[in-house]
PDB file of N, CA and C in Angstrom:
ATOM      1  N   MET A   1      97.516 106.373 109.537  1.00  0.00           N
ATOM      2  CA  MET A   1      98.377 106.854 108.484  1.00  0.00           C
ATOM      3  C   MET A   1      97.571 106.841 107.190  1.00  0.00           C
ATOM      4  N   SER A   2      97.716 107.857 106.408  1.00  0.00           N
ATOM      5  CA  SER A   2      96.965 107.951 105.163  1.00  0.00           C
ATOM      6  C   SER A   2      97.582 107.065 104.087  1.00  0.00           C
ATOM      7  N   ASP A   3      96.775 106.752 103.099  1.00  0.00           N
ATOM      8  CA  ASP A   3      97.267 105.968 101.963  1.00  0.00           C
ATOM      9  C   ASP A   3      98.384 106.707 101.240  1.00  0.00           C
ATOM     10  N   ASP A   4      98.310 108.056 101.224  1.00  0.00           N
ATOM     11  CA  ASP A   4      99.357 108.841 100.572  1.00  0.00           C
ATOM     12  C   ASP A   4     100.704 108.646 101.259  1.00  0.00           C
ATOM     13  N   LYS A   5     100.705 108.604 102.594  1.00  0.00           N
ATOM     14  CA  LYS A   5     101.958 108.391 103.317  1.00  0.00           C
ATOM     15  C   LYS A   5     102.541 107.023 103.003  1.00  0.00           C
ATOM     16  N   LEU A   6     101.684 106.016 102.903  1.00  0.00           N
ATOM     17  CA  LEU A   6     102.149 104.677 102.583  1.00  0.00           C
ATOM     18  C   LEU A   6     102.697 104.626 101.156  1.00  0.00           C
ATOM     19  N   LYS A   7     101.993 105.251 100.219  1.00  0.00           N
ATOM     20  CA  LYS A   7     102.474 105.306  98.833  1.00  0.00           C
ATOM     21  C   LYS A   7     103.808 106.045  98.753  1.00  0.00           C
ATOM     22  N   ASN A   8     103.929 107.132  99.506  1.00  0.00           N
ATOM     23  CA  ASN A   8     105.194 107.881  99.530  1.00  0.00           C
ATOM     24  C   ASN A   8     106.316 107.043 100.135  1.00  0.00           C
ATOM     25  N   ALA A   9     105.999 106.258 101.153  1.00  0.00           N
ATOM     26  CA  ALA A   9     107.004 105.397 101.781  1.00  0.00           C
ATOM     27  C   ALA A   9     107.487 104.332 100.802  1.00  0.00           C
ATOM     28  N   ILE A  10     106.565 103.751 100.036  1.00  0.00           N
ATOM     29  CA  ILE A  10     106.936 102.741  99.041  1.00  0.00           C
ATOM     30  C   ILE A  10     107.804 103.379  97.959  1.00  0.00           C
ATOM     31  N   SER A  11     107.434 104.564  97.515  1.00  0.00           N
ATOM     32  CA  SER A  11     108.226 105.280  96.519  1.00  0.00           C
ATOM     33  C   SER A  11     109.617 105.603  97.069  1.00  0.00           C
ATOM     34  N   PHE A  12     109.683 106.046  98.323  1.00  0.00           N
ATOM     35  CA  PHE A  12     110.960 106.343  98.977  1.00  0.00           C
ATOM     36  C   PHE A  12     111.837 105.097  99.006  1.00  0.00           C
ATOM     37  N   PHE A  13     111.243 103.954  99.346  1.00  0.00           N
ATOM     38  CA  PHE A  13     111.980 102.691  99.384  1.00  0.00           C
ATOM     39  C   PHE A  13     112.543 102.377  97.999  1.00  0.00           C
ATOM     40  N   ASP A  14     111.710 102.465  96.977  1.00  0.00           N
ATOM     41  CA  ASP A  14     112.143 102.153  95.614  1.00  0.00           C
ATOM     42  C   ASP A  14     113.302 103.034  95.171  1.00  0.00           C
ATOM     43  N   LYS A  15     113.275 104.311  95.544  1.00  0.00           N
ATOM     44  CA  LYS A  15     114.315 105.253  95.136  1.00  0.00           C
ATOM     45  C   LYS A  15     115.606 105.078  95.941  1.00  0.00           C
ATOM     46  N   ASN A  16     115.489 104.651  97.201  1.00  0.00           N
ATOM     47  CA  ASN A  16     116.649 104.640  98.092  1.00  0.00           C
ATOM     48  C   ASN A  16     117.225 103.258  98.368  1.00  0.00           C
ATOM     49  N   TYR A  17     116.582 102.211  97.902  1.00  0.00           N
ATOM     50  CA  TYR A  17     117.093 100.861  98.130  1.00  0.00           C
ATOM     51  C   TYR A  17     118.337 100.639  97.294  1.00  0.00           C
ATOM     52  N   LYS A  18     119.425 100.224  97.941  1.00  0.00           N
ATOM     53  CA  LYS A  18     120.714 100.081  97.268  1.00  0.00           C
ATOM     54  C   LYS A  18     121.249  98.657  97.310  1.00  0.00           C
ATOM     55  N   GLY A  19     120.407  97.670  97.442  1.00  0.00           N
ATOM     56  CA  GLY A  19     120.883  96.284  97.483  1.00  0.00           C
ATOM     57  C   GLY A  19     120.897  95.748  98.897  1.00  0.00           C
ATOM     58  N   GLY A  20     121.326  94.533  99.032  1.00  0.00           N
ATOM     59  CA  GLY A  20     121.369  93.894 100.342  1.00  0.00           C
ATOM     60  C   GLY A  20     120.300  92.827 100.450  1.00  0.00           C
ATOM     61  N   THR A  21     120.381  91.818  99.592  1.00  0.00           N
ATOM     62  CA  THR A  21     119.404  90.739  99.622  1.00  0.00           C
ATOM     63  C   THR A  21     120.058  89.451 100.087  1.00  0.00           C
ATOM     64  N   VAL A  22     119.227  88.532 100.490  1.00  0.00           N
ATOM     65  CA  VAL A  22     119.684  87.188 100.849  1.00  0.00           C
ATOM     66  C   VAL A  22     118.841  86.184 100.073  1.00  0.00           C
ATOM     67  N   PRO A  23     119.487  85.106  99.601  1.00  0.00           N
ATOM     68  CA  PRO A  23     118.708  84.089  98.895  1.00  0.00           C
ATOM     69  C   PRO A  23     118.015  83.153  99.887  1.00  0.00           C
ATOM     70  N   ILE A  24     116.723  82.954  99.685  1.00  0.00           N
ATOM     71  CA  ILE A  24     115.948  82.021 100.504  1.00  0.00           C
ATOM     72  C   ILE A  24     115.092  81.192  99.559  1.00  0.00           C
ATOM     73  N   HIS A  25     115.344  79.891  99.547  1.00  0.00           N
ATOM     74  CA  HIS A  25     114.599  78.972  98.685  1.00  0.00           C
ATOM     75  C   HIS A  25     114.578  79.435  97.233  1.00  0.00           C
ATOM     76  N   GLY A  26     115.730  79.920  96.748  1.00  0.00           N
ATOM     77  CA  GLY A  26     115.854  80.298  95.349  1.00  0.00           C
ATOM     78  C   GLY A  26     115.343  81.680  94.986  1.00  0.00           C
ATOM     79  N   LYS A  27     114.870  82.447  95.955  1.00  0.00           N
ATOM     80  CA  LYS A  27     114.397  83.811  95.700  1.00  0.00           C
ATOM     81  C   LYS A  27     115.231  84.786  96.509  1.00  0.00           C
ATOM     82  N   GLU A  28     115.361  86.000  96.010  1.00  0.00           N
ATOM     83  CA  GLU A  28     116.110  87.040  96.710  1.00  0.00           C
ATOM     84  C   GLU A  28     115.151  87.879  97.557  1.00  0.00           C
ATOM     85  N   TYR A  29     115.518  88.091  98.808  1.00  0.00           N
ATOM     86  CA  TYR A  29     114.707  88.882  99.729  1.00  0.00           C
ATOM     87  C   TYR A  29     115.535  90.029 100.291  1.00  0.00           C
ATOM     88  N   VAL A  30     114.902  91.185 100.448  1.00  0.00           N
ATOM     89  CA  VAL A  30     115.564  92.350 101.061  1.00  0.00           C
ATOM     90  C   VAL A  30     115.684  92.087 102.556  1.00  0.00           C
ATOM     91  N   LEU A  31     116.837  92.415 103.107  1.00  0.00           N
ATOM     92  CA  LEU A  31     117.073  92.222 104.537  1.00  0.00           C
ATOM     93  C   LEU A  31     116.094  93.040 105.369  1.00  0.00           C
ATOM     94  N   GLY A  32     115.629  92.450 106.455  1.00  0.00           N
ATOM     95  CA  GLY A  32     114.678  93.123 107.334  1.00  0.00           C
ATOM     96  C   GLY A  32     115.219  94.433 107.871  1.00  0.00           C
ATOM     97  N   ALA A  33     116.492  94.450 108.236  1.00  0.00           N
ATOM     98  CA  ALA A  33     117.097  95.673 108.768  1.00  0.00           C
ATOM     99  C   ALA A  33     117.049  96.806 107.739  1.00  0.00           C
ATOM    100  N   THR A  34     117.240  96.455 106.470  1.00  0.00           N
ATOM    101  CA  THR A  34     117.181  97.454 105.403  1.00  0.00           C
ATOM    102  C   THR A  34     115.769  98.006 105.270  1.00  0.00           C
ATOM    103  N   LYS A  35     114.789  97.115 105.303  1.00  0.00           N
ATOM    104  CA  LYS A  35     113.392  97.549 105.200  1.00  0.00           C
ATOM    105  C   LYS A  35     113.010  98.480 106.348  1.00  0.00           C
ATOM    106  N   ILE A  36     113.389  98.103 107.568  1.00  0.00           N
ATOM    107  CA  ILE A  36     113.037  98.903 108.743  1.00  0.00           C
ATOM    108  C   ILE A  36     113.741 100.251 108.703  1.00  0.00           C
ATOM    109  N   ASN A  37     115.007 100.255 108.320  1.00  0.00           N
ATOM    110  CA  ASN A  37     115.760 101.508 108.239  1.00  0.00           C
ATOM    111  C   ASN A  37     115.096 102.484 107.274  1.00  0.00           C
ATOM    112  N   LEU A  38     114.749 102.014 106.080  1.00  0.00           N
ATOM    113  CA  LEU A  38     114.114 102.894 105.105  1.00  0.00           C
ATOM    114  C   LEU A  38     112.702 103.293 105.530  1.00  0.00           C
ATOM    115  N   ALA A  39     111.975 102.377 106.164  1.00  0.00           N
ATOM    116  CA  ALA A  39     110.629 102.701 106.646  1.00  0.00           C
ATOM    117  C   ALA A  39     110.692 103.778 107.725  1.00  0.00           C
ATOM    118  N   ARG A  40     111.654 103.664 108.645  1.00  0.00           N
ATOM    119  CA  ARG A  40     111.804 104.665 109.706  1.00  0.00           C
ATOM    120  C   ARG A  40     112.168 106.027 109.130  1.00  0.00           C
ATOM    121  N   LYS A  41     113.057 106.028 108.132  1.00  0.00           N
ATOM    122  CA  LYS A  41     113.441 107.307 107.504  1.00  0.00           C
ATOM    123  C   LYS A  41     112.247 107.965 106.826  1.00  0.00           C
ATOM    124  N   SER A  42     111.379 107.151 106.255  1.00  0.00           N
ATOM    125  CA  SER A  42     110.240 107.683 105.525  1.00  0.00           C
ATOM    126  C   SER A  42     109.053 107.994 106.435  1.00  0.00           C
ATOM    127  N   LEU A  43     108.750 107.099 107.369  1.00  0.00           N
ATOM    128  CA  LEU A  43     107.527 107.224 108.179  1.00  0.00           C
ATOM    129  C   LEU A  43     107.753 107.741 109.586  1.00  0.00           C
ATOM    130  N   GLY A  44     108.980 107.662 110.069  1.00  0.00           N
ATOM    131  CA  GLY A  44     109.293 108.156 111.412  1.00  0.00           C
ATOM    132  C   GLY A  44     108.435 107.523 112.484  1.00  0.00           C
ATOM    133  N   SER A  45     107.834 108.335 113.334  1.00  0.00           N
ATOM    134  CA  SER A  45     107.062 107.827 114.473  1.00  0.00           C
ATOM    135  C   SER A  45     105.684 107.302 114.091  1.00  0.00           C
ATOM    136  N   ASP A  46     105.304 107.429 112.805  1.00  0.00           N
ATOM    137  CA  ASP A  46     104.037 106.852 112.358  1.00  0.00           C
ATOM    138  C   ASP A  46     104.115 105.331 112.259  1.00  0.00           C
ATOM    139  N   LEU A  47     105.319 104.780 112.339  1.00  0.00           N
ATOM    140  CA  LEU A  47     105.526 103.340 112.245  1.00  0.00           C
ATOM    141  C   LEU A  47     105.735 102.772 113.642  1.00  0.00           C
ATOM    142  N   ASP A  48     104.951 101.763 113.993  1.00  0.00           N
ATOM    143  CA  ASP A  48     105.070 101.120 115.299  1.00  0.00           C
ATOM    144  C   ASP A  48     105.350  99.645 115.078  1.00  0.00           C
ATOM    145  N   ILE A  49     106.430  99.130 115.682  1.00  0.00           N
ATOM    146  CA  ILE A  49     106.810  97.733 115.535  1.00  0.00           C
ATOM    147  C   ILE A  49     106.787  97.076 116.915  1.00  0.00           C
ATOM    148  N   VAL A  50     106.038  95.985 117.041  1.00  0.00           N
ATOM    149  CA  VAL A  50     105.944  95.233 118.296  1.00  0.00           C
ATOM    150  C   VAL A  50     106.492  93.830 118.024  1.00  0.00           C
ATOM    151  N   THR A  51     107.514  93.426 118.774  1.00  0.00           N
ATOM    152  CA  THR A  51     108.118  92.114 118.577  1.00  0.00           C
ATOM    153  C   THR A  51     107.908  91.241 119.806  1.00  0.00           C
ATOM    154  N   LYS A  52     107.881  89.930 119.568  1.00  0.00           N
ATOM    155  CA  LYS A  52     107.796  88.996 120.681  1.00  0.00           C
ATOM    156  C   LYS A  52     108.442  87.678 120.284  1.00  0.00           C
ATOM    157  N   VAL A  53     108.921  86.964 121.291  1.00  0.00           N
ATOM    158  CA  VAL A  53     109.508  85.642 121.086  1.00  0.00           C
ATOM    159  C   VAL A  53     108.369  84.631 121.035  1.00  0.00           C
ATOM    160  N   ILE A  54     108.302  83.870 119.957  1.00  0.00           N
ATOM    161  CA  ILE A  54     107.281  82.847 119.790  1.00  0.00           C
ATOM    162  C   ILE A  54     107.761  81.518 120.362  1.00  0.00           C
ATOM    163  N   GLN A  55     109.015  81.176 120.047  1.00  0.00           N
ATOM    164  CA  GLN A  55     109.590  79.913 120.503  1.00  0.00           C
ATOM    165  C   GLN A  55     111.090  80.079 120.630  1.00  0.00           C
ATOM    166  N   GLN A  56     111.660  79.447 121.631  1.00  0.00           N
ATOM    167  CA  GLN A  56     113.110  79.519 121.827  1.00  0.00           C
ATOM    168  C   GLN A  56     113.582  78.199 122.404  1.00  0.00           C
ATOM    169  N   ASP A  57     114.631  77.641 121.799  1.00  0.00           N
ATOM    170  CA  ASP A  57     115.280  76.455 122.356  1.00  0.00           C
ATOM    171  C   ASP A  57     116.773  76.564 122.099  1.00  0.00           C
ATOM    172  N   ASP A  58     117.504  75.492 122.326  1.00  0.00           N
ATOM    173  CA  ASP A  58     118.961  75.563 122.195  1.00  0.00           C
ATOM    174  C   ASP A  58     119.430  75.612 120.740  1.00  0.00           C
ATOM    175  N   LYS A  59     118.530  75.444 119.777  1.00  0.00           N
ATOM    176  CA  LYS A  59     118.913  75.451 118.371  1.00  0.00           C
ATOM    177  C   LYS A  59     118.373  76.645 117.583  1.00  0.00           C
ATOM    178  N   GLN A  60     117.274  77.222 118.027  1.00  0.00           N
ATOM    179  CA  GLN A  60     116.696  78.322 117.253  1.00  0.00           C
ATOM    180  C   GLN A  60     115.822  79.226 118.115  1.00  0.00           C
ATOM    181  N   VAL A  61     115.606  80.408 117.596  1.00  0.00           N
ATOM    182  CA  VAL A  61     114.680  81.358 118.199  1.00  0.00           C
ATOM    183  C   VAL A  61     113.715  81.807 117.102  1.00  0.00           C
ATOM    184  N   MET A  62     112.423  81.745 117.380  1.00  0.00           N
ATOM    185  CA  MET A  62     111.417  82.207 116.425  1.00  0.00           C
ATOM    186  C   MET A  62     110.782  83.468 116.993  1.00  0.00           C
ATOM    187  N   MET A  63     110.835  84.533 116.178  1.00  0.00           N
ATOM    188  CA  MET A  63     110.300  85.819 116.590  1.00  0.00           C
ATOM    189  C   MET A  63     109.105  86.182 115.709  1.00  0.00           C
ATOM    190  N   GLN A  64     108.265  87.055 116.241  1.00  0.00           N
ATOM    191  CA  GLN A  64     107.157  87.628 115.468  1.00  0.00           C
ATOM    192  C   GLN A  64     107.253  89.132 115.583  1.00  0.00           C
ATOM    193  N   ALA A  65     107.122  89.808 114.468  1.00  0.00           N
ATOM    194  CA  ALA A  65     107.110  91.274 114.460  1.00  0.00           C
ATOM    195  C   ALA A  65     105.815  91.735 113.826  1.00  0.00           C
ATOM    196  N   ASP A  66     105.047  92.509 114.566  1.00  0.00           N
ATOM    197  CA  ASP A  66     103.814  93.102 114.059  1.00  0.00           C
ATOM    198  C   ASP A  66     104.096  94.584 113.798  1.00  0.00           C
ATOM    199  N   ILE A  67     103.752  95.024 112.608  1.00  0.00           N
ATOM    200  CA  ILE A  67     104.011  96.402 112.207  1.00  0.00           C
ATOM    201  C   ILE A  67     102.691  97.117 111.998  1.00  0.00           C
ATOM    202  N   TYR A  68     102.557  98.253 112.660  1.00  0.00           N
ATOM    203  CA  TYR A  68     101.322  99.030 112.610  1.00  0.00           C
ATOM    204  C   TYR A  68     101.602 100.395 112.033  1.00  0.00           C
ATOM    205  N   LYS A  69     100.597 100.932 111.415  1.00  0.00           N
ATOM    206  CA  LYS A  69     100.726 102.294 110.894  1.00  0.00           C
ATOM    207  C   LYS A  69      99.732 103.180 111.569  1.00  0.00           C
TER     208      LYS A  69
END
């Protein structure tokens, strides 16, 4: 993916982001689903996401998502 496509995707995100944050340790973070939705709309099939379970027990699940362009 070219740098121009990435710059356009960031610009698209800035223009189309309409809220939806969660507070974590005193800072506001954009929800992952919101980020992925806007990235898919902007980049389409140029975006590849690979997820895997890192750890799972009866109290929590830890996931890893690798994003490629």
